[in-house]
Amino acid sequence: MMFSPKRDAPLTNSCVASIKGSILEIQDLNLQDNKTSHYVKQCEWEDLLDAAYDAAIDPASAEIFDGLYTPKRLQGMLKKLLIMSVAKDFLNLTYTNSQKSLPGAIDEILIDLPGGKEWEEGK
C-alpha cells in the first residue's frame, strides 16, 4: 500500500488516463530520432525520479484531501521506495513495449495498485 491515512484513494478513470498519457509521452520523448536509442537509459532513472518525487510533494499536499496535510506530514505518510519502484516499473515498460502494446502493459501494473481491481471491474 502506497498511501493510507484513513483509506486508499480510489483509482479513477481520470487518474488512469493521466498515468497512461504521461507514460506514453515519456516513451515518445525518450526515443531518439533513430528510433532505436533512448536519451535516458533504463539505469539512469534513479536520480531523475528522486528529484521528481521531491518536487511533487508540495503540489500533492495542496491537491489531495483538500490540502489537509502539510508537505512534511504527507511525505511521512508515503512509502517512497514503493512509489519509486512502481514508477520504475512503468518506465521499464517504455523500453520493452511498442506504442501500440504499451497501454495494455500499463493496465497490468495499474490493476495491481490499490483500487486497481475495482477500477478494472468498473466499480
Protein backbone atom coordinates (compact mmCIF):
# COMPACT_ATOMS: atom_id res chain seq x y z
CA MET A 1 0.00 0.00 0.00
CA MET A 2 1.48 3.34 -1.02
CA PHE A 3 -0.71 5.73 0.95
CA SER A 4 -3.36 5.19 3.54
CA PRO A 5 -4.13 7.95 6.05
CA LYS A 6 -7.67 6.63 6.54
CA ARG A 7 -8.30 4.68 3.35
CA ASP A 8 -6.74 4.40 -0.07
CA ALA A 9 -7.94 6.85 -2.64
CA PRO A 10 -9.81 5.10 -5.44
CA LEU A 11 -8.12 4.57 -8.78
CA THR A 12 -10.23 6.69 -11.10
CA ASN A 13 -10.50 6.81 -14.88
CA SER A 14 -9.06 10.31 -14.73
CA CYS A 15 -6.04 9.07 -12.78
CA VAL A 16 -5.56 6.15 -15.17
CA ALA A 17 -5.77 8.45 -18.20
CA SER A 18 -3.19 10.77 -16.65
CA ILE A 19 -0.79 7.92 -15.90
CA LYS A 20 -1.17 6.36 -19.34
CA GLY A 21 -0.79 9.70 -21.10
CA SER A 22 2.34 10.51 -19.13
CA ILE A 23 4.00 7.14 -19.75
CA LEU A 24 3.17 7.24 -23.47
CA GLU A 25 4.60 10.77 -23.69
CA ILE A 26 7.76 9.71 -21.85
CA GLN A 27 8.18 6.82 -24.28
CA ASP A 28 7.79 9.19 -27.23
CA LEU A 29 10.11 11.89 -25.87
CA ASN A 30 12.77 9.46 -24.71
CA LEU A 31 13.14 7.75 -28.08
CA GLN A 32 15.85 9.32 -30.21
CA ASP A 33 15.26 10.19 -33.86
CA ASN A 34 16.91 6.94 -34.96
CA LYS A 35 14.02 5.08 -33.21
CA THR A 36 16.46 2.58 -31.65
CA SER A 37 18.27 4.58 -28.96
CA HIS A 38 16.98 6.36 -25.87
CA TYR A 39 18.03 9.67 -24.36
CA VAL A 40 17.65 8.29 -20.84
CA LYS A 41 18.87 4.71 -20.42
CA GLN A 42 16.96 2.33 -18.12
CA CYS A 43 19.68 2.52 -15.47
CA GLU A 44 19.64 6.35 -15.39
CA TRP A 45 16.17 7.00 -13.96
CA GLU A 46 17.00 6.83 -10.23
CA ASP A 47 18.22 10.43 -9.78
CA LEU A 48 15.55 11.82 -12.10
CA LEU A 49 12.78 10.03 -10.22
CA ASP A 50 14.19 11.10 -6.87
CA ALA A 51 14.18 14.76 -7.92
CA ALA A 52 10.67 14.46 -9.39
CA TYR A 53 9.37 12.85 -6.20
CA ASP A 54 10.78 15.65 -4.05
CA ALA A 55 9.37 18.31 -6.38
CA ALA A 56 5.92 16.68 -6.34
CA ILE A 57 5.41 16.69 -2.57
CA ASP A 58 4.37 20.34 -2.21
CA PRO A 59 1.82 20.35 -5.05
CA ALA A 60 0.50 16.95 -3.95
CA SER A 61 -0.06 18.16 -0.40
CA ALA A 62 -2.19 21.00 -1.75
CA GLU A 63 -4.20 18.68 -4.03
CA ILE A 64 -5.06 15.58 -2.03
CA PHE A 65 -7.65 15.59 0.73
CA ASP A 66 -8.28 19.30 0.08
CA GLY A 67 -4.81 20.25 1.34
CA LEU A 68 -5.35 18.63 4.73
CA TYR A 69 -1.72 17.50 5.11
CA THR A 70 1.41 19.64 5.11
CA PRO A 71 4.17 18.56 2.71
CA LYS A 72 6.24 17.23 5.62
CA ARG A 73 3.33 15.24 7.04
CA LEU A 74 2.38 13.88 3.63
CA GLN A 75 5.95 12.82 2.98
CA GLY A 76 5.91 10.89 6.26
CA MET A 77 2.74 9.07 5.20
CA LEU A 78 4.03 7.94 1.82
CA LYS A 79 6.15 4.90 1.09
CA LYS A 80 8.75 6.47 -1.16
CA LEU A 81 10.61 3.26 -2.00
CA LEU A 82 7.39 1.60 -3.14
CA ILE A 83 6.34 4.63 -5.18
CA MET A 84 9.76 4.77 -6.82
CA SER A 85 9.60 1.04 -7.58
CA VAL A 86 6.19 1.36 -9.26
CA ALA A 87 7.42 4.38 -11.24
CA LYS A 88 10.42 2.37 -12.46
CA ASP A 89 8.10 -0.48 -13.43
CA PHE A 90 6.09 1.92 -15.58
CA LEU A 91 9.22 3.40 -17.12
CA ASN A 92 10.69 -0.02 -17.88
CA LEU A 93 7.60 -0.76 -19.95
CA THR A 94 8.59 2.05 -22.32
CA TYR A 95 11.71 0.10 -23.29
CA THR A 96 10.02 -3.26 -23.82
CA ASN A 97 6.67 -2.38 -25.43
CA SER A 98 5.65 -0.80 -28.68
CA GLN A 99 3.50 2.30 -28.59
CA LYS A 100 0.57 0.07 -29.51
CA SER A 101 1.10 -2.51 -26.75
CA LEU A 102 2.15 -0.03 -24.04
CA PRO A 103 -1.38 0.94 -22.84
CA GLY A 104 -2.26 -2.71 -22.15
CA ALA A 105 1.02 -3.27 -20.33
CA ILE A 106 0.33 -0.19 -18.20
CA ASP A 107 -3.10 -1.62 -17.33
CA GLU A 108 -1.44 -4.76 -15.97
CA ILE A 109 0.51 -2.68 -13.45
CA LEU A 110 -2.48 -0.46 -12.64
CA ILE A 111 -4.61 -3.47 -11.75
CA ASP A 112 -2.12 -4.39 -9.02
CA LEU A 113 -2.23 -0.92 -7.43
CA PRO A 114 -4.61 -0.12 -4.55
CA GLY A 115 -8.04 0.35 -6.12
CA GLY A 116 -6.87 -1.23 -9.38
CA LYS A 117 -9.08 -4.29 -9.30
CA GLU A 118 -12.12 -2.12 -8.56
CA TRP A 119 -11.16 0.17 -11.44
CA GLU A 120 -10.82 -2.81 -13.79
CA GLU A 121 -14.26 -4.08 -12.74
CA GLY A 122 -15.80 -0.64 -13.18
CA LYS A 123 -16.72 -0.20 -9.53
